PDB file of N, CA and C in Angstrom:
ATOM      1  N   MET A   1      64.083  29.293 -42.309  1.00  0.00           N
ATOM      2  CA  MET A   1      63.578  30.633 -42.161  1.00  0.00           C
ATOM      3  C   MET A   1      62.277  30.094 -42.218  1.00  0.00           C
ATOM      4  N   THR A   2      61.621  31.084 -41.250  1.00  0.00           N
ATOM      5  CA  THR A   2      60.107  31.147 -40.874  1.00  0.00           C
ATOM      6  C   THR A   2      59.265  32.125 -41.659  1.00  0.00           C
ATOM      7  N   THR A   3      58.408  31.752 -42.247  1.00  0.00           N
ATOM      8  CA  THR A   3      57.478  32.803 -42.907  1.00  0.00           C
ATOM      9  C   THR A   3      56.092  32.798 -41.932  1.00  0.00           C
ATOM     10  N   THR A   4      55.768  33.988 -41.772  1.00  0.00           N
ATOM     11  CA  THR A   4      54.741  34.140 -40.917  1.00  0.00           C
ATOM     12  C   THR A   4      53.256  34.561 -41.961  1.00  0.00           C
ATOM     13  N   MET A   5      52.256  34.018 -42.074  1.00  0.00           N
ATOM     14  CA  MET A   5      51.306  34.372 -42.617  1.00  0.00           C
ATOM     15  C   MET A   5      50.313  35.189 -41.797  1.00  0.00           C
ATOM     16  N   ASP A   6      49.765  36.011 -42.863  1.00  0.00           N
ATOM     17  CA  ASP A   6      48.862  37.160 -42.303  1.00  0.00           C
ATOM     18  C   ASP A   6      47.523  36.540 -41.793  1.00  0.00           C
ATOM     19  N   THR A   7      47.171  36.651 -40.682  1.00  0.00           N
ATOM     20  CA  THR A   7      46.046  35.941 -40.405  1.00  0.00           C
ATOM     21  C   THR A   7      44.647  36.800 -39.973  1.00  0.00           C
ATOM     22  N   THR A   8      45.361  38.172 -40.282  1.00  0.00           N
ATOM     23  CA  THR A   8      44.429  39.193 -39.795  1.00  0.00           C
ATOM     24  C   THR A   8      42.887  39.162 -40.270  1.00  0.00           C
ATOM     25  N   ILE A   9      41.715  39.141 -39.716  1.00  0.00           N
ATOM     26  CA  ILE A   9      40.411  39.336 -40.217  1.00  0.00           C
ATOM     27  C   ILE A   9      39.825  40.403 -39.982  1.00  0.00           C
ATOM     28  N   ILE A  10      39.441  40.877 -40.976  1.00  0.00           N
ATOM     29  CA  ILE A  10      38.752  42.497 -40.707  1.00  0.00           C
ATOM     30  C   ILE A  10      37.127  42.591 -41.149  1.00  0.00           C
ATOM     31  N   LYS A  11      36.423  43.321 -40.307  1.00  0.00           N
ATOM     32  CA  LYS A  11      35.120  43.440 -40.516  1.00  0.00           C
ATOM     33  C   LYS A  11      34.820  45.086 -40.908  1.00  0.00           C
ATOM     34  N   VAL A  12      34.032  45.392 -41.781  1.00  0.00           N
ATOM     35  CA  VAL A  12      33.514  46.902 -42.486  1.00  0.00           C
ATOM     36  C   VAL A  12      32.380  46.853 -42.179  1.00  0.00           C
ATOM     37  N   CYS A  13      31.927  47.755 -41.598  1.00  0.00           N
ATOM     38  CA  CYS A  13      30.264  48.387 -41.702  1.00  0.00           C
ATOM     39  C   CYS A  13      30.144  49.478 -42.620  1.00  0.00           C
ATOM     40  N   SER A  14      29.084  49.058 -43.706  1.00  0.00           N
ATOM     41  CA  SER A  14      29.274  50.092 -44.508  1.00  0.00           C
ATOM     42  C   SER A  14      28.368  51.184 -44.341  1.00  0.00           C
ATOM     43  N   LYS A  15      27.784  51.286 -43.337  1.00  0.00           N
ATOM     44  CA  LYS A  15      27.106  52.607 -42.708  1.00  0.00           C
ATOM     45  C   LYS A  15      28.118  53.399 -42.172  1.00  0.00           C
ATOM     46  N   THR A  16      29.432  53.093 -42.030  1.00  0.00           N
ATOM     47  CA  THR A  16      30.471  54.129 -41.787  1.00  0.00           C
ATOM     48  C   THR A  16      31.718  54.020 -42.643  1.00  0.00           C
ATOM     49  N   SER A  17      31.484  53.185 -43.842  1.00  0.00           N
ATOM     50  CA  SER A  17      32.437  53.224 -44.630  1.00  0.00           C
ATOM     51  C   SER A  17      32.589  54.576 -45.344  1.00  0.00           C
ATOM     52  N   PRO A  18      33.965  54.538 -45.857  1.00  0.00           N
ATOM     53  CA  PRO A  18      34.496  55.932 -46.152  1.00  0.00           C
ATOM     54  C   PRO A  18      33.813  55.719 -47.766  1.00  0.00           C
ATOM     55  N   ILE A  19      33.876  56.999 -48.274  1.00  0.00           N
ATOM     56  CA  ILE A  19      32.898  57.490 -49.425  1.00  0.00           C
ATOM     57  C   ILE A  19      34.173  58.059 -50.536  1.00  0.00           C
ATOM     58  N   GLY A  20      34.293  57.450 -51.771  1.00  0.00           N
ATOM     59  CA  GLY A  20      35.298  58.000 -52.886  1.00  0.00           C
ATOM     60  C   GLY A  20      34.537  59.009 -53.530  1.00  0.00           C
ATOM     61  N   ASP A  21      35.423  59.697 -54.257  1.00  0.00           N
ATOM     62  CA  ASP A  21      35.294  60.851 -55.359  1.00  0.00           C
ATOM     63  C   ASP A  21      33.889  60.619 -56.179  1.00  0.00           C
ATOM     64  N   MET A  22      33.868  59.401 -56.430  1.00  0.00           N
ATOM     65  CA  MET A  22      32.745  59.254 -57.478  1.00  0.00           C
ATOM     66  C   MET A  22      31.200  58.635 -56.405  1.00  0.00           C
ATOM     67  N   GLY A  23      31.430  58.634 -55.311  1.00  0.00           N
ATOM     68  CA  GLY A  23      30.329  57.938 -54.579  1.00  0.00           C
ATOM     69  C   GLY A  23      30.185  56.780 -54.172  1.00  0.00           C
ATOM     70  N   GLN A  24      31.357  56.011 -54.420  1.00  0.00           N
ATOM     71  CA  GLN A  24      31.283  54.399 -54.101  1.00  0.00           C
ATOM     72  C   GLN A  24      31.631  54.487 -52.614  1.00  0.00           C
ATOM     73  N   LYS A  25      31.209  53.456 -52.021  1.00  0.00           N
ATOM     74  CA  LYS A  25      31.199  52.961 -50.579  1.00  0.00           C
ATOM     75  C   LYS A  25      32.321  52.170 -50.621  1.00  0.00           C
ATOM     76  N   TYR A  26      33.669  52.417 -50.194  1.00  0.00           N
ATOM     77  CA  TYR A  26      34.657  51.456 -50.054  1.00  0.00           C
ATOM     78  C   TYR A  26      34.491  50.327 -48.810  1.00  0.00           C
ATOM     79  N   LEU A  27      34.240  49.124 -49.126  1.00  0.00           N
ATOM     80  CA  LEU A  27      34.125  47.865 -48.253  1.00  0.00           C
ATOM     81  C   LEU A  27      35.296  47.413 -47.854  1.00  0.00           C
ATOM     82  N   ALA A  28      35.553  46.097 -47.314  1.00  0.00           N
ATOM     83  CA  ALA A  28      36.475  45.343 -46.991  1.00  0.00           C
ATOM     84  C   ALA A  28      37.537  45.334 -48.001  1.00  0.00           C
ATOM     85  N   SER A  29      38.810  45.596 -47.830  1.00  0.00           N
ATOM     86  CA  SER A  29      40.091  45.474 -48.519  1.00  0.00           C
ATOM     87  C   SER A  29      41.192  44.555 -47.948  1.00  0.00           C
ATOM     88  N   GLY A  30      41.548  43.837 -48.831  1.00  0.00           N
ATOM     89  CA  GLY A  30      42.714  42.781 -48.497  1.00  0.00           C
ATOM     90  C   GLY A  30      44.143  43.461 -49.166  1.00  0.00           C
ATOM     91  N   LYS A  31      45.045  42.587 -49.352  1.00  0.00           N
ATOM     92  CA  LYS A  31      46.180  43.041 -50.030  1.00  0.00           C
ATOM     93  C   LYS A  31      46.230  43.158 -51.442  1.00  0.00           C
ATOM     94  N   SER A  32      45.526  42.225 -52.176  1.00  0.00           N
ATOM     95  CA  SER A  32      45.248  42.180 -53.470  1.00  0.00           C
ATOM     96  C   SER A  32      43.982  41.947 -54.000  1.00  0.00           C
ATOM     97  N   LEU A  33      42.727  42.260 -53.118  1.00  0.00           N
ATOM     98  CA  LEU A  33      41.464  42.549 -53.472  1.00  0.00           C
ATOM     99  C   LEU A  33      40.665  43.541 -52.627  1.00  0.00           C
ATOM    100  N   SER A  34      39.874  44.189 -53.336  1.00  0.00           N
ATOM    101  CA  SER A  34      38.912  45.034 -52.179  1.00  0.00           C
ATOM    102  C   SER A  34      37.659  44.940 -53.101  1.00  0.00           C
ATOM    103  N   MET A  35      36.838  45.661 -51.691  1.00  0.00           N
ATOM    104  CA  MET A  35      34.987  45.716 -52.338  1.00  0.00           C
ATOM    105  C   MET A  35      34.685  47.028 -52.245  1.00  0.00           C
ATOM    106  N   ARG A  36      33.687  47.265 -53.042  1.00  0.00           N
ATOM    107  CA  ARG A  36      33.293  48.471 -52.664  1.00  0.00           C
ATOM    108  C   ARG A  36      31.550  48.366 -53.219  1.00  0.00           C
ATOM    109  N   MET A  37      30.855  49.527 -52.837  1.00  0.00           N
ATOM    110  CA  MET A  37      29.555  49.472 -53.157  1.00  0.00           C
ATOM    111  C   MET A  37      29.183  50.731 -53.764  1.00  0.00           C
ATOM    112  N   TRP A  38      28.173  50.709 -54.919  1.00  0.00           N
ATOM    113  CA  TRP A  38      27.305  51.836 -55.374  1.00  0.00           C
ATOM    114  C   TRP A  38      26.000  51.606 -54.803  1.00  0.00           C
ATOM    115  N   GLU A  39      25.433  52.444 -53.795  1.00  0.00           N
ATOM    116  CA  GLU A  39      24.310  52.517 -53.344  1.00  0.00           C
ATOM    117  C   GLU A  39      23.414  53.351 -53.719  1.00  0.00           C
ATOM    118  N   ASN A  40      22.150  53.310 -54.373  1.00  0.00           N
ATOM    119  CA  ASN A  40      20.855  53.922 -54.533  1.00  0.00           C
ATOM    120  C   ASN A  40      21.452  55.069 -55.427  1.00  0.00           C
ATOM    121  N   GLU A  41      22.237  54.399 -56.545  1.00  0.00           N
ATOM    122  CA  GLU A  41      22.868  55.539 -57.664  1.00  0.00           C
ATOM    123  C   GLU A  41      21.754  56.033 -58.487  1.00  0.00           C
ATOM    124  N   SER A  42      21.517  57.463 -58.729  1.00  0.00           N
ATOM    125  CA  SER A  42      20.005  57.619 -59.609  1.00  0.00           C
ATOM    126  C   SER A  42      20.186  57.478 -60.961  1.00  0.00           C
ATOM    127  N   PRO A  43      19.347  57.442 -61.780  1.00  0.00           N
ATOM    128  CA  PRO A  43      19.246  57.343 -63.346  1.00  0.00           C
ATOM    129  C   PRO A  43      19.657  58.624 -63.666  1.00  0.00           C
ATOM    130  N   SER A  44      20.435  58.727 -65.006  1.00  0.00           N
ATOM    131  CA  SER A  44      20.575  60.097 -65.511  1.00  0.00           C
ATOM    132  C   SER A  44      20.671  59.868 -67.053  1.00  0.00           C
ATOM    133  N   ASP A  45      20.272  61.011 -67.597  1.00  0.00           N
ATOM    134  CA  ASP A  45      20.333  61.153 -69.292  1.00  0.00           C
ATOM    135  C   ASP A  45      21.335  60.976 -70.159  1.00  0.00           C
ATOM    136  N   SER A  46      22.418  61.672 -69.055  1.00  0.00           N
ATOM    137  CA  SER A  46      23.919  61.557 -69.730  1.00  0.00           C
ATOM    138  C   SER A  46      24.647  60.220 -69.559  1.00  0.00           C
ATOM    139  N   THR A  47      25.477  59.851 -70.340  1.00  0.00           N
ATOM    140  CA  THR A  47      26.374  58.902 -70.160  1.00  0.00           C
ATOM    141  C   THR A  47      27.603  59.434 -70.031  1.00  0.00           C
ATOM    142  N   LYS A  48      28.526  58.800 -69.000  1.00  0.00           N
ATOM    143  CA  LYS A  48      29.706  59.209 -68.721  1.00  0.00           C
ATOM    144  C   LYS A  48      30.407  58.882 -69.688  1.00  0.00           C
ATOM    145  N   GLU A  49      31.647  59.495 -69.587  1.00  0.00           N
ATOM    146  CA  GLU A  49      32.793  59.087 -70.381  1.00  0.00           C
ATOM    147  C   GLU A  49      33.531  57.956 -70.537  1.00  0.00           C
ATOM    148  N   MET A  50      33.807  57.233 -71.419  1.00  0.00           N
ATOM    149  CA  MET A  50      34.546  55.693 -71.133  1.00  0.00           C
ATOM    150  C   MET A  50      35.721  56.086 -70.634  1.00  0.00           C
ATOM    151  N   SER A  51      36.210  54.861 -69.943  1.00  0.00           N
ATOM    152  CA  SER A  51      37.520  55.250 -69.076  1.00  0.00           C
ATOM    153  C   SER A  51      38.013  53.491 -69.180  1.00  0.00           C
ATOM    154  N   ALA A  52      39.171  53.310 -69.106  1.00  0.00           N
ATOM    155  CA  ALA A  52      40.137  52.007 -69.102  1.00  0.00           C
ATOM    156  C   ALA A  52      40.627  51.968 -67.534  1.00  0.00           C
ATOM    157  N   ARG A  53      40.724  51.187 -66.720  1.00  0.00           N
ATOM    158  CA  ARG A  53      41.213  50.794 -65.283  1.00  0.00           C
ATOM    159  C   ARG A  53      42.250  50.051 -65.397  1.00  0.00           C
ATOM    160  N   GLU A  54      43.054  50.352 -64.252  1.00  0.00           N
ATOM    161  CA  GLU A  54      44.358  49.246 -64.132  1.00  0.00           C
ATOM    162  C   GLU A  54      43.900  48.196 -63.178  1.00  0.00           C
ATOM    163  N   TYR A  55      42.539  47.841 -63.109  1.00  0.00           N
ATOM    164  CA  TYR A  55      42.137  46.646 -62.616  1.00  0.00           C
ATOM    165  C   TYR A  55      41.325  46.102 -63.042  1.00  0.00           C
ATOM    166  N   GLU A  56      40.918  44.770 -62.823  1.00  0.00           N
ATOM    167  CA  GLU A  56      39.823  44.011 -63.069  1.00  0.00           C
ATOM    168  C   GLU A  56      38.733  44.163 -62.012  1.00  0.00           C
ATOM    169  N   THR A  57      37.518  44.080 -62.488  1.00  0.00           N
ATOM    170  CA  THR A  57      36.226  44.177 -61.727  1.00  0.00           C
ATOM    171  C   THR A  57      35.042  43.298 -62.162  1.00  0.00           C
ATOM    172  N   VAL A  58      34.628  42.588 -60.596  1.00  0.00           N
ATOM    173  CA  VAL A  58      33.582  41.720 -61.043  1.00  0.00           C
ATOM    174  C   VAL A  58      32.275  42.344 -59.777  1.00  0.00           C
ATOM    175  N   GLY A  59      31.162  42.231 -60.473  1.00  0.00           N
ATOM    176  CA  GLY A  59      30.057  42.892 -59.585  1.00  0.00           C
ATOM    177  C   GLY A  59      29.105  42.164 -59.563  1.00  0.00           C
ATOM    178  N   PHE A  60      28.096  42.656 -58.835  1.00  0.00           N
ATOM    179  CA  PHE A  60      26.714  41.906 -58.413  1.00  0.00           C
ATOM    180  C   PHE A  60      25.752  43.100 -58.401  1.00  0.00           C
ATOM    181  N   VAL A  61      24.746  43.105 -59.030  1.00  0.00           N
ATOM    182  CA  VAL A  61      23.389  44.037 -58.781  1.00  0.00           C
ATOM    183  C   VAL A  61      22.307  43.602 -57.817  1.00  0.00           C
ATOM    184  N   ILE A  62      22.556  44.406 -56.645  1.00  0.00           N
ATOM    185  CA  ILE A  62      21.522  44.057 -55.670  1.00  0.00           C
ATOM    186  C   ILE A  62      19.988  44.575 -56.012  1.00  0.00           C
ATOM    187  N   SER A  63      20.016  45.608 -56.704  1.00  0.00           N
ATOM    188  CA  SER A  63      18.857  46.188 -57.205  1.00  0.00           C
ATOM    189  C   SER A  63      19.169  47.002 -58.122  1.00  0.00           C
ATOM    190  N   GLY A  64      17.925  47.326 -58.943  1.00  0.00           N
ATOM    191  CA  GLY A  64      17.970  48.377 -60.025  1.00  0.00           C
ATOM    192  C   GLY A  64      18.409  47.724 -61.167  1.00  0.00           C
ATOM    193  N   LYS A  65      18.950  48.982 -62.385  1.00  0.00           N
ATOM    194  CA  LYS A  65      19.067  48.534 -63.743  1.00  0.00           C
ATOM    195  C   LYS A  65      19.954  49.667 -64.142  1.00  0.00           C
ATOM    196  N   ALA A  66      20.988  49.160 -65.027  1.00  0.00           N
ATOM    197  CA  ALA A  66      22.105  50.038 -65.459  1.00  0.00           C
ATOM    198  C   ALA A  66      22.687  49.115 -66.806  1.00  0.00           C
ATOM    199  N   GLU A  67      23.001  50.105 -67.716  1.00  0.00           N
ATOM    200  CA  GLU A  67      23.728  49.497 -68.797  1.00  0.00           C
ATOM    201  C   GLU A  67      25.193  49.518 -68.726  1.00  0.00           C
ATOM    202  N   LEU A  68      26.184  48.661 -68.972  1.00  0.00           N
ATOM    203  CA  LEU A  68      27.418  48.573 -68.906  1.00  0.00           C
ATOM    204  C   LEU A  68      27.723  48.692 -70.462  1.00  0.00           C
ATOM    205  N   LEU A  69      28.397  49.670 -71.031  1.00  0.00           N
ATOM    206  CA  LEU A  69      28.775  50.224 -72.295  1.00  0.00           C
ATOM    207  C   LEU A  69      30.403  49.756 -72.312  1.00  0.00           C
ATOM    208  N   PHE A  70      30.724  49.008 -73.619  1.00  0.00           N
ATOM    209  CA  PHE A  70      31.892  48.860 -73.711  1.00  0.00           C
ATOM    210  C   PHE A  70      32.318  49.533 -75.125  1.00  0.00           C
ATOM    211  N   GLU A  71      33.737  49.783 -75.552  1.00  0.00           N
ATOM    212  CA  GLU A  71      34.053  50.397 -76.639  1.00  0.00           C
ATOM    213  C   GLU A  71      33.735  49.499 -77.897  1.00  0.00           C
ATOM    214  N   GLY A  72      33.430  49.976 -78.707  1.00  0.00           N
ATOM    215  CA  GLY A  72      33.064  49.059 -80.143  1.00  0.00           C
ATOM    216  C   GLY A  72      31.372  48.588 -80.027  1.00  0.00           C
ATOM    217  N   ASP A  73      30.607  49.533 -79.286  1.00  0.00           N
ATOM    218  CA  ASP A  73      29.122  49.491 -79.274  1.00  0.00           C
ATOM    219  C   ASP A  73      28.741  47.946 -78.600  1.00  0.00           C
ATOM    220  N   GLN A  74      29.272  47.569 -77.542  1.00  0.00           N
ATOM    221  CA  GLN A  74      28.953  46.512 -77.168  1.00  0.00           C
ATOM    222  C   GLN A  74      28.186  46.843 -75.628  1.00  0.00           C
ATOM    223  N   LYS A  75      27.026  46.452 -75.513  1.00  0.00           N
ATOM    224  CA  LYS A  75      26.043  46.861 -74.432  1.00  0.00           C
ATOM    225  C   LYS A  75      25.715  45.841 -73.653  1.00  0.00           C
ATOM    226  N   ILE A  76      25.683  45.897 -72.511  1.00  0.00           N
ATOM    227  CA  ILE A  76      25.083  44.702 -71.370  1.00  0.00           C
ATOM    228  C   ILE A  76      24.280  45.351 -70.400  1.00  0.00           C
ATOM    229  N   VAL A  77      22.769  44.853 -70.317  1.00  0.00           N
ATOM    230  CA  VAL A  77      22.005  45.366 -69.443  1.00  0.00           C
ATOM    231  C   VAL A  77      22.045  44.519 -68.242  1.00  0.00           C
ATOM    232  N   LEU A  78      22.268  45.272 -66.892  1.00  0.00           N
ATOM    233  CA  LEU A  78      22.399  44.706 -65.737  1.00  0.00           C
ATOM    234  C   LEU A  78      21.104  45.053 -64.869  1.00  0.00           C
ATOM    235  N   GLN A  79      20.607  43.737 -64.251  1.00  0.00           N
ATOM    236  CA  GLN A  79      19.468  43.855 -63.396  1.00  0.00           C
ATOM    237  C   GLN A  79      19.510  43.059 -62.248  1.00  0.00           C
ATOM    238  N   THR A  80      18.741  43.395 -61.115  1.00  0.00           N
ATOM    239  CA  THR A  80      18.836  42.756 -59.821  1.00  0.00           C
ATOM    240  C   THR A  80      19.240  41.280 -60.179  1.00  0.00           C
ATOM    241  N   GLY A  81      20.171  40.706 -59.492  1.00  0.00           N
ATOM    242  CA  GLY A  81      20.560  39.437 -59.438  1.00  0.00           C
ATOM    243  C   GLY A  81      21.596  38.944 -60.346  1.00  0.00           C
ATOM    244  N   ASP A  82      21.837  39.792 -61.325  1.00  0.00           N
ATOM    245  CA  ASP A  82      23.049  39.817 -62.388  1.00  0.00           C
ATOM    246  C   ASP A  82      24.554  40.076 -62.027  1.00  0.00           C
ATOM    247  N   SER A  83      25.438  39.387 -62.293  1.00  0.00           N
ATOM    248  CA  SER A  83      27.134  39.480 -62.202  1.00  0.00           C
ATOM    249  C   SER A  83      27.724  39.921 -63.401  1.00  0.00           C
ATOM    250  N   TRP A  84      28.958  40.929 -63.551  1.00  0.00           N
ATOM    251  CA  TRP A  84      29.435  40.998 -64.559  1.00  0.00           C
ATOM    252  C   TRP A  84      31.062  41.100 -64.339  1.00  0.00           C
ATOM    253  N   VAL A  85      31.790  41.093 -65.378  1.00  0.00           N
ATOM    254  CA  VAL A  85      33.263  41.091 -65.355  1.00  0.00           C
ATOM    255  C   VAL A  85      33.651  42.363 -66.447  1.00  0.00           C
ATOM    256  N   VAL A  86      34.337  43.251 -66.111  1.00  0.00           N
ATOM    257  CA  VAL A  86      35.346  44.174 -66.855  1.00  0.00           C
ATOM    258  C   VAL A  86      36.722  43.846 -66.413  1.00  0.00           C
ATOM    259  N   PRO A  87      37.377  43.435 -67.533  1.00  0.00           N
ATOM    260  CA  PRO A  87      38.881  43.046 -67.586  1.00  0.00           C
ATOM    261  C   PRO A  87      39.610  44.066 -67.526  1.00  0.00           C
ATOM    262  N   LYS A  88      40.811  44.104 -66.844  1.00  0.00           N
ATOM    263  CA  LYS A  88      41.613  45.127 -66.687  1.00  0.00           C
ATOM    264  C   LYS A  88      42.004  45.543 -68.065  1.00  0.00           C
ATOM    265  N   GLY A  89      41.906  47.400 -68.275  1.00  0.00           N
ATOM    266  CA  GLY A  89      42.205  47.620 -69.339  1.00  0.00           C
ATOM    267  C   GLY A  89      40.945  48.090 -70.331  1.00  0.00           C
ATOM    268  N   ALA A  90      40.135  47.418 -70.281  1.00  0.00           N
ATOM    269  CA  ALA A  90      38.723  47.650 -71.205  1.00  0.00           C
ATOM    270  C   ALA A  90      37.963  49.049 -71.139  1.00  0.00           C
ATOM    271  N   LYS A  91      37.824  49.648 -71.930  1.00  0.00           N
ATOM    272  CA  LYS A  91      37.356  50.975 -71.878  1.00  0.00           C
ATOM    273  C   LYS A  91      35.804  50.593 -71.816  1.00  0.00           C
ATOM    274  N   HIS A  92      35.344  51.233 -70.988  1.00  0.00           N
ATOM    275  CA  HIS A  92      33.661  51.003 -70.556  1.00  0.00           C
ATOM    276  C   HIS A  92      33.046  52.477 -69.833  1.00  0.00           C
ATOM    277  N   THR A  93      32.065  52.238 -69.577  1.00  0.00           N
ATOM    278  CA  THR A  93      31.369  53.125 -68.854  1.00  0.00           C
ATOM    279  C   THR A  93      29.675  52.383 -68.562  1.00  0.00           C
ATOM    280  N   TYR A  94      29.149  53.142 -67.697  1.00  0.00           N
ATOM    281  CA  TYR A  94      27.904  52.639 -67.096  1.00  0.00           C
ATOM    282  C   TYR A  94      26.843  53.558 -67.224  1.00  0.00           C
ATOM    283  N   LYS A  95      25.529  53.400 -67.262  1.00  0.00           N
ATOM    284  CA  LYS A  95      24.663  54.468 -67.595  1.00  0.00           C
ATOM    285  C   LYS A  95      23.358  53.753 -66.748  1.00  0.00           C
ATOM    286  N   ILE A  96      23.005  54.564 -65.470  1.00  0.00           N
ATOM    287  CA  ILE A  96      22.110  54.272 -64.600  1.00  0.00           C
ATOM    288  C   ILE A  96      20.550  54.207 -65.244  1.00  0.00           C
ATOM    289  N   LEU A  97      19.867  53.251 -65.008  1.00  0.00           N
ATOM    290  CA  LEU A  97      18.496  53.450 -65.983  1.00  0.00           C
ATOM    291  C   LEU A  97      17.314  53.312 -64.680  1.00  0.00           C
ATOM    292  N   GLU A  98      17.687  52.704 -63.807  1.00  0.00           N
ATOM    293  CA  GLU A  98      16.700  52.781 -62.467  1.00  0.00           C
ATOM    294  C   GLU A  98      17.809  52.778 -61.461  1.00  0.00           C
ATOM    295  N   ASN A  99      17.264  53.337 -60.115  1.00  0.00           N
ATOM    296  CA  ASN A  99      17.921  53.395 -58.894  1.00  0.00           C
ATOM    297  C   ASN A  99      18.720  51.868 -58.873  1.00  0.00           C
ATOM    298  N   PHE A 100      20.051  52.062 -58.728  1.00  0.00           N
ATOM    299  CA  PHE A 100      20.967  51.122 -58.674  1.00  0.00           C
ATOM    300  C   PHE A 100      21.842  50.924 -57.675  1.00  0.00           C
ATOM    301  N   THR A 101      21.973  49.652 -56.900  1.00  0.00           N
ATOM    302  CA  THR A 101      22.834  49.292 -55.940  1.00  0.00           C
ATOM    303  C   THR A 101      23.768  47.944 -56.458  1.00  0.00           C
ATOM    304  N   ALA A 102      24.877  48.016 -56.694  1.00  0.00           N
ATOM    305  CA  ALA A 102      25.668  46.899 -56.419  1.00  0.00           C
ATOM    306  C   ALA A 102      27.120  47.140 -55.911  1.00  0.00           C
ATOM    307  N   VAL A 103      27.334  45.756 -55.732  1.00  0.00           N
ATOM    308  CA  VAL A 103      28.726  45.507 -55.001  1.00  0.00           C
ATOM    309  C   VAL A 103      29.724  45.145 -56.047  1.00  0.00           C
ATOM    310  N   GLU A 104      30.830  45.731 -56.039  1.00  0.00           N
ATOM    311  CA  GLU A 104      32.190  45.197 -57.012  1.00  0.00           C
ATOM    312  C   GLU A 104      33.286  44.875 -56.255  1.00  0.00           C
ATOM    313  N   ALA A 105      33.833  43.669 -56.731  1.00  0.00           N
ATOM    314  CA  ALA A 105      35.362  43.722 -56.224  1.00  0.00           C
ATOM    315  C   ALA A 105      36.412  43.779 -57.273  1.00  0.00           C
ATOM    316  N   THR A 106      37.723  44.537 -56.944  1.00  0.00           N
ATOM    317  CA  THR A 106      38.447  44.613 -57.963  1.00  0.00           C
ATOM    318  C   THR A 106      39.737  44.301 -57.610  1.00  0.00           C
ATOM    319  N   HIS A 107      40.532  43.694 -58.476  1.00  0.00           N
ATOM    320  CA  HIS A 107      42.004  43.516 -58.322  1.00  0.00           C
ATOM    321  C   HIS A 107      42.842  43.858 -59.310  1.00  0.00           C
ATOM    322  N   PRO A 108      43.878  44.413 -58.800  1.00  0.00           N
ATOM    323  CA  PRO A 108      44.492  44.851 -57.582  1.00  0.00           C
ATOM    324  C   PRO A 108      43.082  46.058 -57.061  1.00  0.00           C
ATOM    325  N   PRO A 109      43.471  46.270 -55.647  1.00  0.00           N
ATOM    326  CA  PRO A 109      42.526  47.313 -54.890  1.00  0.00           C
ATOM    327  C   PRO A 109      42.356  48.424 -55.729  1.00  0.00           C
ATOM    328  N   ALA A 110      41.017  48.879 -56.188  1.00  0.00           N
ATOM    329  CA  ALA A 110      40.985  50.170 -56.884  1.00  0.00           C
ATOM    330  C   ALA A 110      41.338  51.302 -56.187  1.00  0.00           C
ATOM    331  N   GLU A 111      41.144  51.352 -55.029  1.00  0.00           N
ATOM    332  CA  GLU A 111      41.409  52.786 -54.261  1.00  0.00           C
ATOM    333  C   GLU A 111      42.658  52.709 -53.977  1.00  0.00           C
ATOM    334  N   VAL A 112      43.845  51.913 -54.212  1.00  0.00           N
ATOM    335  CA  VAL A 112      45.131  52.147 -53.988  1.00  0.00           C
ATOM    336  C   VAL A 112      45.913  52.942 -55.037  1.00  0.00           C
ATOM    337  N   LYS A 113      46.970  53.409 -55.024  1.00  0.00           N
ATOM    338  CA  LYS A 113      47.781  54.112 -55.818  1.00  0.00           C
ATOM    339  C   LYS A 113      46.783  54.841 -56.647  1.00  0.00           C
ATOM    340  N   GLY A 114      45.539  55.771 -56.302  1.00  0.00           N
ATOM    341  CA  GLY A 114      44.906  56.561 -57.384  1.00  0.00           C
ATOM    342  C   GLY A 114      44.547  55.769 -58.305  1.00  0.00           C
ATOM    343  N   ARG A 115      44.442  54.313 -58.413  1.00  0.00           N
ATOM    344  CA  ARG A 115      43.789  53.720 -59.581  1.00  0.00           C
ATOM    345  C   ARG A 115      42.303  53.963 -59.795  1.00  0.00           C
ATOM    346  N   ASP A 116      41.693  54.565 -58.620  1.00  0.00           N
ATOM    347  CA  ASP A 116      40.207  54.695 -58.936  1.00  0.00           C
ATOM    348  C   ASP A 116      39.797  56.351 -58.930  1.00  0.00           C
ATOM    349  N   ALA A 117      40.650  57.074 -59.083  1.00  0.00           N
ATOM    350  CA  ALA A 117      40.542  58.482 -59.367  1.00  0.00           C
ATOM    351  C   ALA A 117      39.709  58.763 -60.292  1.00  0.00           C
ATOM    352  N   PRO A 118      38.684  59.798 -60.394  1.00  0.00           N
ATOM    353  CA  PRO A 118      37.665  59.943 -61.387  1.00  0.00           C
ATOM    354  C   PRO A 118      38.264  60.705 -62.627  1.00  0.00           C
ATOM    355  N   GLY A 119      38.027  60.200 -64.024  1.00  0.00           N
ATOM    356  CA  GLY A 119      38.797  60.839 -64.939  1.00  0.00           C
ATOM    357  C   GLY A 119      40.206  59.980 -65.546  1.00  0.00           C
ATOM    358  N   LYS A 120      40.505  59.323 -64.420  1.00  0.00           N
ATOM    359  CA  LYS A 120      41.878  58.667 -64.819  1.00  0.00           C
ATOM    360  C   LYS A 120      41.819  57.212 -65.454  1.00  0.00           C
ATOM    361  N   ASN A 121      42.513  57.297 -66.651  1.00  0.00           N
ATOM    362  CA  ASN A 121      42.175  56.389 -67.744  1.00  0.00           C
ATOM    363  C   ASN A 121      43.572  55.467 -67.867  1.00  0.00           C
TER     364      ASN A 121
END
């Protein structure tokens, strides 16, 4: 039995990437991993409701500043050059403090099967 390996290489231009319901730009996506970008997100006085997602997230801050808030009052300040991990199922939210641009990778892909739907816990 012969197994064929997928050798497809994909390039995605962020200038023409699709935009999700929460403002995220969907970047390259494979079968088990995808990337997205939050670009120039504006600060807000309000804090979004916490949610738990069906995927693990790792991210990297390109510019700006935000707070990553976890259930139980844990808070991490994210600034240019920082990276972070949000485990699958962890209740969390973000509060943008300064115009914020970051790239995240999710496993499994956040945009598949409605995992990335706003308000989905």
